[in-house]
N, C-alpha and C. Protein backbone atom coordinates (compact mmCIF):
# COMPACT_ATOMS: atom_id res chain seq x y z
N MET A 1 0.90 -1.23 0.06
CA MET A 1 -0.06 0.01 -0.08
C MET A 1 0.95 1.29 0.06
N GLN A 2 1.96 1.25 0.77
CA GLN A 2 2.90 2.43 0.90
C GLN A 2 3.57 2.64 -0.57
N LYS A 3 3.84 1.48 -1.21
CA LYS A 3 4.48 1.68 -2.49
C LYS A 3 3.52 2.37 -3.63
N LEU A 4 2.20 1.96 -3.46
CA LEU A 4 1.18 2.47 -4.42
C LEU A 4 1.08 4.00 -4.03
N LEU A 5 1.00 4.42 -2.83
CA LEU A 5 0.90 5.78 -2.51
C LEU A 5 2.10 6.57 -2.89
N ALA A 6 3.38 5.99 -2.69
CA ALA A 6 4.51 6.64 -3.15
C ALA A 6 4.59 6.77 -4.64
N TRP A 7 4.09 5.80 -5.61
CA TRP A 7 3.99 6.04 -6.95
C TRP A 7 2.95 6.98 -7.32
N LEU A 8 1.86 6.95 -6.64
CA LEU A 8 0.86 8.01 -6.95
C LEU A 8 1.34 9.36 -6.71
N SER A 9 2.06 9.48 -5.59
CA SER A 9 2.62 10.91 -5.21
C SER A 9 3.56 11.22 -6.23
N VAL A 10 4.47 10.43 -6.80
CA VAL A 10 5.49 10.67 -7.86
C VAL A 10 4.72 11.08 -9.11
N ILE A 11 3.69 10.36 -9.49
CA ILE A 11 2.95 10.57 -10.65
C ILE A 11 2.20 11.95 -10.69
N LEU A 12 1.80 12.32 -9.40
CA LEU A 12 1.06 13.53 -9.21
C LEU A 12 2.11 14.80 -9.29
N VAL A 13 3.27 14.54 -8.71
CA VAL A 13 4.37 15.56 -8.95
C VAL A 13 4.79 15.79 -10.19
N VAL A 14 4.95 14.64 -11.04
CA VAL A 14 5.29 14.77 -12.46
C VAL A 14 4.29 15.45 -13.20
N VAL A 15 2.99 15.13 -13.05
CA VAL A 15 2.01 15.68 -13.84
C VAL A 15 1.84 17.24 -13.62
N VAL A 16 1.88 17.61 -12.29
CA VAL A 16 1.62 18.92 -11.90
C VAL A 16 2.87 19.83 -12.15
N GLY A 17 4.06 19.30 -12.06
CA GLY A 17 5.30 19.91 -12.36
C GLY A 17 5.25 20.10 -13.92
N GLY A 18 4.94 19.06 -14.75
CA GLY A 18 4.95 19.14 -16.12
C GLY A 18 3.99 20.33 -16.64
N LYS A 19 2.82 20.35 -15.97
CA LYS A 19 1.97 21.54 -16.48
C LYS A 19 2.54 22.78 -16.11
N TYR A 20 3.22 23.03 -14.98
CA TYR A 20 3.77 24.32 -14.62
C TYR A 20 4.89 24.62 -15.57
N ALA A 21 5.68 23.67 -16.01
CA ALA A 21 6.79 23.73 -16.96
C ALA A 21 6.22 24.21 -18.40
N VAL A 22 5.27 23.50 -18.71
CA VAL A 22 4.68 23.83 -20.07
C VAL A 22 4.13 25.32 -19.99
N ASP A 23 3.47 25.65 -18.98
CA ASP A 23 2.77 27.04 -18.83
C ASP A 23 3.88 27.96 -18.83
N TYR A 24 4.97 27.73 -18.10
CA TYR A 24 6.15 28.69 -18.05
C TYR A 24 6.76 28.87 -19.38
N MET A 25 6.94 27.74 -20.09
CA MET A 25 7.51 27.75 -21.42
C MET A 25 6.69 28.65 -22.53
N SER A 26 5.40 28.38 -22.27
CA SER A 26 4.47 29.09 -23.19
C SER A 26 4.52 30.56 -22.80
N HIS A 27 4.49 30.92 -21.52
CA HIS A 27 4.61 32.28 -21.33
C HIS A 27 5.83 33.07 -21.83
N THR A 28 6.94 32.30 -21.56
CA THR A 28 8.18 32.77 -22.01
C THR A 28 8.22 32.91 -23.48
N ALA A 29 7.72 31.98 -24.26
CA ALA A 29 7.77 31.96 -25.83
C ALA A 29 6.96 33.21 -26.16
N HIS A 30 5.71 33.55 -25.63
CA HIS A 30 4.87 34.62 -25.93
C HIS A 30 5.60 35.98 -25.66
N GLU A 31 6.27 36.01 -24.43
CA GLU A 31 6.95 37.31 -24.01
C GLU A 31 8.15 37.52 -24.99
N ASN A 32 8.92 36.50 -25.40
CA ASN A 32 9.99 36.64 -26.36
C ASN A 32 9.46 37.14 -27.64
N ALA A 33 8.42 36.56 -28.14
CA ALA A 33 7.94 36.94 -29.43
C ALA A 33 7.47 38.40 -29.42
N ALA A 34 6.77 38.79 -28.30
CA ALA A 34 6.35 40.21 -28.28
C ALA A 34 7.63 41.13 -28.08
N THR A 35 8.52 40.74 -27.30
CA THR A 35 9.80 41.60 -27.18
C THR A 35 10.40 41.75 -28.55
N SER A 36 10.50 40.73 -29.32
CA SER A 36 11.26 40.80 -30.61
C SER A 36 10.33 41.59 -31.57
N ARG A 37 9.01 41.49 -31.56
CA ARG A 37 8.15 42.35 -32.39
C ARG A 37 8.34 43.86 -32.00
N VAL A 38 8.36 44.28 -30.78
CA VAL A 38 8.57 45.61 -30.25
C VAL A 38 9.88 46.09 -30.73
N GLN A 39 10.86 45.24 -30.58
CA GLN A 39 12.23 45.64 -31.04
C GLN A 39 12.34 45.89 -32.42
N ALA A 40 11.69 45.05 -33.22
CA ALA A 40 11.61 45.37 -34.64
C ALA A 40 10.95 46.53 -35.08
N PHE A 41 9.80 46.81 -34.38
CA PHE A 41 9.04 48.04 -34.55
C PHE A 41 9.93 49.25 -34.29
N LEU A 42 10.57 49.24 -33.05
CA LEU A 42 11.38 50.45 -32.68
C LEU A 42 12.69 50.54 -33.58
N ASP A 43 13.20 49.47 -33.94
CA ASP A 43 14.42 49.56 -34.76
C ASP A 43 13.94 50.29 -36.24
N GLY A 44 12.76 49.86 -36.70
CA GLY A 44 12.27 50.62 -37.90
C GLY A 44 11.91 51.98 -37.77
N MET A 45 11.58 52.39 -36.46
CA MET A 45 11.18 53.82 -36.22
C MET A 45 12.49 54.73 -36.03
N THR A 46 13.64 54.13 -35.90
CA THR A 46 14.80 55.02 -35.69
C THR A 46 15.25 55.51 -37.04
N ALA A 47 15.98 56.69 -36.83
CA ALA A 47 16.59 57.38 -37.93
C ALA A 47 17.34 56.28 -38.62
N GLY A 48 17.14 56.22 -39.93
CA GLY A 48 17.94 55.26 -40.72
C GLY A 48 17.26 53.88 -40.82
N GLY A 49 16.21 53.64 -39.93
CA GLY A 49 15.49 52.39 -39.76
C GLY A 49 14.52 52.31 -41.09
N ASP A 50 13.88 51.17 -41.17
CA ASP A 50 13.03 50.92 -42.28
C ASP A 50 11.62 51.05 -41.71
N PHE A 51 11.01 52.21 -42.17
CA PHE A 51 9.63 52.57 -41.73
C PHE A 51 8.59 51.46 -42.10
N GLN A 52 8.83 50.88 -43.30
CA GLN A 52 7.89 49.77 -43.80
C GLN A 52 7.93 48.59 -42.78
N ASP A 53 9.12 48.21 -42.24
CA ASP A 53 9.23 47.08 -41.28
C ASP A 53 8.60 47.62 -39.94
N ALA A 54 8.74 48.74 -39.62
CA ALA A 54 8.12 49.30 -38.35
C ALA A 54 6.69 49.29 -38.52
N PHE A 55 6.13 49.69 -39.67
CA PHE A 55 4.66 49.74 -39.96
C PHE A 55 4.07 48.37 -39.78
N ASN A 56 4.68 47.47 -40.49
CA ASN A 56 4.23 46.02 -40.44
C ASN A 56 4.13 45.55 -39.04
N MET A 57 5.19 45.82 -38.26
CA MET A 57 5.26 45.21 -36.83
C MET A 57 4.19 45.96 -36.15
N TRP A 58 3.95 47.26 -36.20
CA TRP A 58 2.93 47.96 -35.45
C TRP A 58 1.50 47.51 -35.86
N HIS A 59 1.31 47.32 -37.21
CA HIS A 59 -0.03 46.94 -37.61
C HIS A 59 -0.44 45.59 -37.35
N SER A 60 0.45 44.66 -37.58
CA SER A 60 -0.04 43.26 -37.27
C SER A 60 1.05 42.27 -36.79
N GLY A 61 2.26 42.71 -36.87
CA GLY A 61 3.27 41.87 -36.29
C GLY A 61 3.84 40.98 -37.41
N SER A 62 3.22 41.13 -38.64
CA SER A 62 3.64 40.25 -39.80
C SER A 62 4.40 41.04 -40.86
N PRO A 63 5.64 40.46 -41.22
CA PRO A 63 6.51 41.20 -42.17
C PRO A 63 5.81 41.54 -43.46
N GLY A 64 4.77 40.83 -43.87
CA GLY A 64 4.08 41.11 -45.14
C GLY A 64 2.70 41.68 -44.81
N GLY A 65 2.57 42.36 -43.69
CA GLY A 65 1.33 42.94 -43.38
C GLY A 65 0.50 43.82 -44.26
N ILE A 66 1.26 44.48 -45.18
CA ILE A 66 0.49 45.49 -46.09
C ILE A 66 0.32 44.86 -47.40
N GLY A 67 0.53 43.57 -47.65
CA GLY A 67 0.32 42.92 -48.89
C GLY A 67 -1.04 43.16 -49.54
N ASN A 68 -2.08 43.20 -48.84
CA ASN A 68 -3.33 43.24 -49.33
C ASN A 68 -3.96 44.63 -49.19
N MET A 69 -3.20 45.70 -48.89
CA MET A 69 -3.70 47.00 -48.68
C MET A 69 -3.70 47.89 -50.04
N THR A 70 -4.69 48.71 -50.07
CA THR A 70 -4.61 49.63 -51.25
C THR A 70 -3.66 50.77 -50.84
N GLN A 71 -3.28 51.55 -51.68
CA GLN A 71 -2.46 52.81 -51.32
C GLN A 71 -3.12 53.67 -50.34
N ASP A 72 -4.35 53.79 -50.64
CA ASP A 72 -5.20 54.65 -49.66
C ASP A 72 -5.38 54.08 -48.25
N GLN A 73 -5.57 52.76 -48.20
CA GLN A 73 -5.56 52.24 -46.90
C GLN A 73 -4.25 52.38 -46.18
N TYR A 74 -3.14 52.15 -46.95
CA TYR A 74 -1.86 52.34 -46.29
C TYR A 74 -1.67 53.65 -45.71
N ASN A 75 -2.04 54.74 -46.55
CA ASN A 75 -1.81 56.08 -46.16
C ASN A 75 -2.62 56.30 -44.99
N MET A 76 -3.91 55.85 -44.89
CA MET A 76 -4.70 56.07 -43.76
C MET A 76 -4.03 55.41 -42.37
N TYR A 77 -3.61 54.22 -42.52
CA TYR A 77 -2.96 53.50 -41.46
C TYR A 77 -1.67 54.16 -41.03
N ALA A 78 -0.84 54.57 -41.98
CA ALA A 78 0.43 55.21 -41.65
C ALA A 78 0.19 56.63 -40.92
N ALA A 79 -0.93 57.32 -41.21
CA ALA A 79 -1.28 58.50 -40.46
C ALA A 79 -1.71 58.14 -39.11
N GLU A 80 -2.39 56.89 -38.94
CA GLU A 80 -2.80 56.43 -37.62
C GLU A 80 -1.66 56.19 -36.79
N LEU A 81 -0.62 55.55 -37.44
CA LEU A 81 0.58 55.11 -36.69
C LEU A 81 1.34 56.55 -36.18
N LYS A 82 1.52 57.42 -37.03
CA LYS A 82 2.05 58.82 -36.65
C LYS A 82 1.27 59.42 -35.59
N ALA A 83 0.00 59.35 -35.65
CA ALA A 83 -0.86 59.94 -34.55
C ALA A 83 -0.74 59.07 -33.24
N TRP A 84 -0.60 57.73 -33.41
CA TRP A 84 -0.28 56.96 -32.15
C TRP A 84 0.93 57.34 -31.59
N MET A 85 1.94 57.53 -32.25
CA MET A 85 3.31 57.93 -31.72
C MET A 85 3.18 59.37 -31.11
N ALA A 86 2.61 60.15 -31.83
CA ALA A 86 2.27 61.61 -31.26
C ALA A 86 1.65 61.66 -29.87
N ARG A 87 0.77 60.58 -29.58
CA ARG A 87 0.01 60.54 -28.25
C ARG A 87 1.03 60.35 -27.15
N ARG A 88 2.18 60.00 -27.48
CA ARG A 88 3.33 59.90 -26.36
C ARG A 88 4.40 60.94 -26.69
N ASP A 89 4.15 61.90 -27.41
CA ASP A 89 5.05 62.94 -27.69
C ASP A 89 6.30 62.43 -28.33
N LEU A 90 6.10 61.45 -29.27
CA LEU A 90 7.18 60.92 -29.95
C LEU A 90 7.16 61.34 -31.53
N GLY A 91 8.21 61.68 -32.06
CA GLY A 91 8.28 62.12 -33.40
C GLY A 91 8.06 60.97 -34.38
N GLU A 92 7.99 61.29 -35.79
CA GLU A 92 7.87 60.22 -36.65
C GLU A 92 9.08 59.29 -36.72
N ARG A 93 10.23 59.81 -36.18
CA ARG A 93 11.47 58.95 -35.99
C ARG A 93 11.91 59.05 -34.71
N ILE A 94 12.44 58.00 -34.01
CA ILE A 94 13.05 58.02 -32.71
C ILE A 94 14.45 58.02 -32.67
N GLY A 95 15.10 58.57 -31.53
CA GLY A 95 16.49 58.54 -31.53
C GLY A 95 17.01 57.25 -30.93
N ASP A 96 16.71 56.99 -29.55
CA ASP A 96 17.14 55.85 -29.06
C ASP A 96 16.10 55.08 -28.23
N TYR A 97 16.30 53.85 -27.86
CA TYR A 97 15.40 53.18 -27.13
C TYR A 97 16.05 51.98 -26.30
N GLU A 98 15.43 51.56 -25.32
CA GLU A 98 15.87 50.44 -24.58
C GLU A 98 14.69 49.65 -24.08
N ILE A 99 14.79 48.28 -24.20
CA ILE A 99 13.76 47.35 -23.87
C ILE A 99 14.05 46.82 -22.53
N HIS A 100 13.16 46.97 -21.53
CA HIS A 100 13.46 46.40 -20.12
C HIS A 100 13.01 44.97 -19.82
N GLY A 101 11.95 44.75 -20.40
CA GLY A 101 11.35 43.43 -20.13
C GLY A 101 9.89 43.24 -20.62
N ALA A 102 9.42 42.07 -20.47
CA ALA A 102 8.12 41.82 -20.93
C ALA A 102 7.29 40.93 -19.94
N THR A 103 5.90 41.21 -19.87
CA THR A 103 5.16 40.59 -18.81
C THR A 103 3.85 40.06 -19.55
N MET A 104 3.47 38.80 -19.36
CA MET A 104 2.24 38.37 -19.96
C MET A 104 1.05 39.13 -19.27
N ALA A 105 0.26 39.77 -20.11
CA ALA A 105 -0.94 40.37 -19.40
C ALA A 105 -2.16 39.57 -19.56
N GLN A 106 -2.29 38.70 -20.54
CA GLN A 106 -3.25 37.76 -20.77
C GLN A 106 -2.79 36.63 -21.58
N GLY A 107 -2.96 35.40 -20.99
CA GLY A 107 -2.64 34.13 -21.94
C GLY A 107 -3.47 34.01 -23.06
N PRO A 108 -3.13 33.23 -23.93
CA PRO A 108 -4.08 33.02 -25.01
C PRO A 108 -5.27 32.02 -24.58
N GLU A 109 -6.36 32.30 -24.95
CA GLU A 109 -7.43 31.51 -24.46
C GLU A 109 -8.39 31.22 -25.60
N GLY A 110 -8.62 30.08 -26.07
CA GLY A 110 -9.36 29.64 -27.20
C GLY A 110 -8.91 30.50 -28.43
N VAL A 111 -9.55 31.22 -29.04
CA VAL A 111 -9.27 32.02 -30.29
C VAL A 111 -8.63 33.34 -29.87
N GLU A 112 -8.63 33.72 -28.62
CA GLU A 112 -8.10 35.04 -28.17
C GLU A 112 -6.67 34.95 -28.15
N PRO A 113 -5.99 35.95 -28.70
CA PRO A 113 -4.43 35.90 -28.75
C PRO A 113 -3.89 36.19 -27.39
N SER A 114 -2.58 35.87 -27.12
CA SER A 114 -1.90 36.18 -25.88
C SER A 114 -1.76 37.86 -25.99
N VAL A 115 -1.61 38.41 -24.81
CA VAL A 115 -1.36 39.78 -24.85
C VAL A 115 -0.19 40.04 -23.81
N VAL A 116 0.86 40.76 -24.37
CA VAL A 116 2.04 40.89 -23.58
C VAL A 116 2.36 42.38 -23.43
N ASP A 117 2.67 43.00 -22.21
CA ASP A 117 3.18 44.24 -22.14
C ASP A 117 4.68 44.41 -22.09
N VAL A 118 5.21 45.11 -22.99
CA VAL A 118 6.71 45.19 -23.07
C VAL A 118 6.97 46.63 -22.57
N SER A 119 7.86 46.60 -21.53
CA SER A 119 8.20 47.94 -20.90
C SER A 119 9.60 48.27 -21.70
N CYS A 120 9.59 49.70 -21.99
CA CYS A 120 10.84 50.21 -22.59
C CYS A 120 10.98 51.69 -22.33
N THR A 121 12.13 52.18 -22.75
CA THR A 121 12.26 53.68 -22.62
C THR A 121 12.63 53.98 -24.11
N VAL A 122 11.75 55.10 -24.63
CA VAL A 122 11.93 55.60 -25.91
C VAL A 122 12.29 56.98 -25.71
N ASP A 123 13.44 57.42 -26.37
CA ASP A 123 13.90 58.87 -26.29
C ASP A 123 13.70 59.43 -24.86
N GLY A 124 14.13 58.61 -23.93
CA GLY A 124 14.06 59.07 -22.52
C GLY A 124 12.78 58.85 -21.81
N LYS A 125 11.76 58.45 -22.38
CA LYS A 125 10.36 58.40 -21.89
C LYS A 125 10.11 56.81 -21.46
N PRO A 126 9.75 56.67 -20.38
CA PRO A 126 9.26 55.25 -19.95
C PRO A 126 7.92 54.99 -20.48
N LEU A 127 7.81 53.79 -21.23
CA LEU A 127 6.63 53.50 -21.93
C LEU A 127 6.36 52.00 -21.73
N VAL A 128 5.06 51.68 -21.93
CA VAL A 128 4.78 50.18 -21.92
C VAL A 128 3.92 49.94 -23.27
N ILE A 129 4.45 49.07 -24.15
CA ILE A 129 3.72 48.86 -25.33
C ILE A 129 3.01 47.47 -25.23
N ARG A 130 1.86 47.37 -25.45
CA ARG A 130 1.05 46.30 -25.46
C ARG A 130 0.94 45.55 -26.85
N ALA A 131 1.38 44.20 -26.79
CA ALA A 131 1.42 43.43 -28.06
C ALA A 131 0.56 42.20 -27.93
N ALA A 132 -0.48 42.25 -28.89
CA ALA A 132 -1.34 41.03 -29.10
C ALA A 132 -1.14 40.39 -30.37
N ASP A 133 -1.01 39.02 -30.49
CA ASP A 133 -0.71 38.48 -31.69
C ASP A 133 -1.70 38.88 -32.84
N GLY A 134 -1.24 39.32 -33.96
CA GLY A 134 -2.02 39.67 -35.12
C GLY A 134 -2.73 40.94 -35.02
N GLU A 135 -2.61 41.65 -33.83
CA GLU A 135 -3.25 42.93 -33.68
C GLU A 135 -2.28 44.12 -33.69
N ARG A 136 -2.72 45.31 -33.75
CA ARG A 136 -1.97 46.42 -33.64
C ARG A 136 -1.31 46.55 -32.20
N LEU A 137 -0.03 47.16 -32.28
CA LEU A 137 0.48 47.52 -30.86
C LEU A 137 -0.25 48.66 -30.41
N GLU A 138 -0.42 48.68 -29.07
CA GLU A 138 -1.11 49.70 -28.40
C GLU A 138 -0.22 50.23 -27.13
N TRP A 139 -0.62 51.40 -26.61
CA TRP A 139 0.03 51.78 -25.44
C TRP A 139 -0.73 51.19 -24.18
N ALA A 140 0.05 50.66 -23.22
CA ALA A 140 -0.49 49.93 -22.14
C ALA A 140 -0.56 50.85 -20.85
N ASP A 141 0.23 51.93 -21.10
CA ASP A 141 0.33 52.77 -19.75
C ASP A 141 -0.40 54.14 -20.05
């Protein structure tokens, strides 16, 4: 009987530990992906950066995000990006930035994407950029 209880305890620890390990790896993967996306966005927004890359990362996180847009749609969305940056007193181009870390704000649930808050400093301003898979970047602060 004691051997059975010991085995059941071991199995329980393995199952519960495995679940926590998978959850941790999932969170880490989503946080790393969001951090990479925000970094690519900010790289593109620097002087000498590729605005097209920045736009794609801001708009959907997909490098080919504008493939199905008309020129009018692109112009409208580019103006929205510039207005979004202006809401934090940032110009069309940024000077420097530093990414401090990422935190899972909401894990993926069903068809809902994960939401990750990436904290950074842009041109000396502390900011938090919220990244959700396949959606526009947003300000979280």
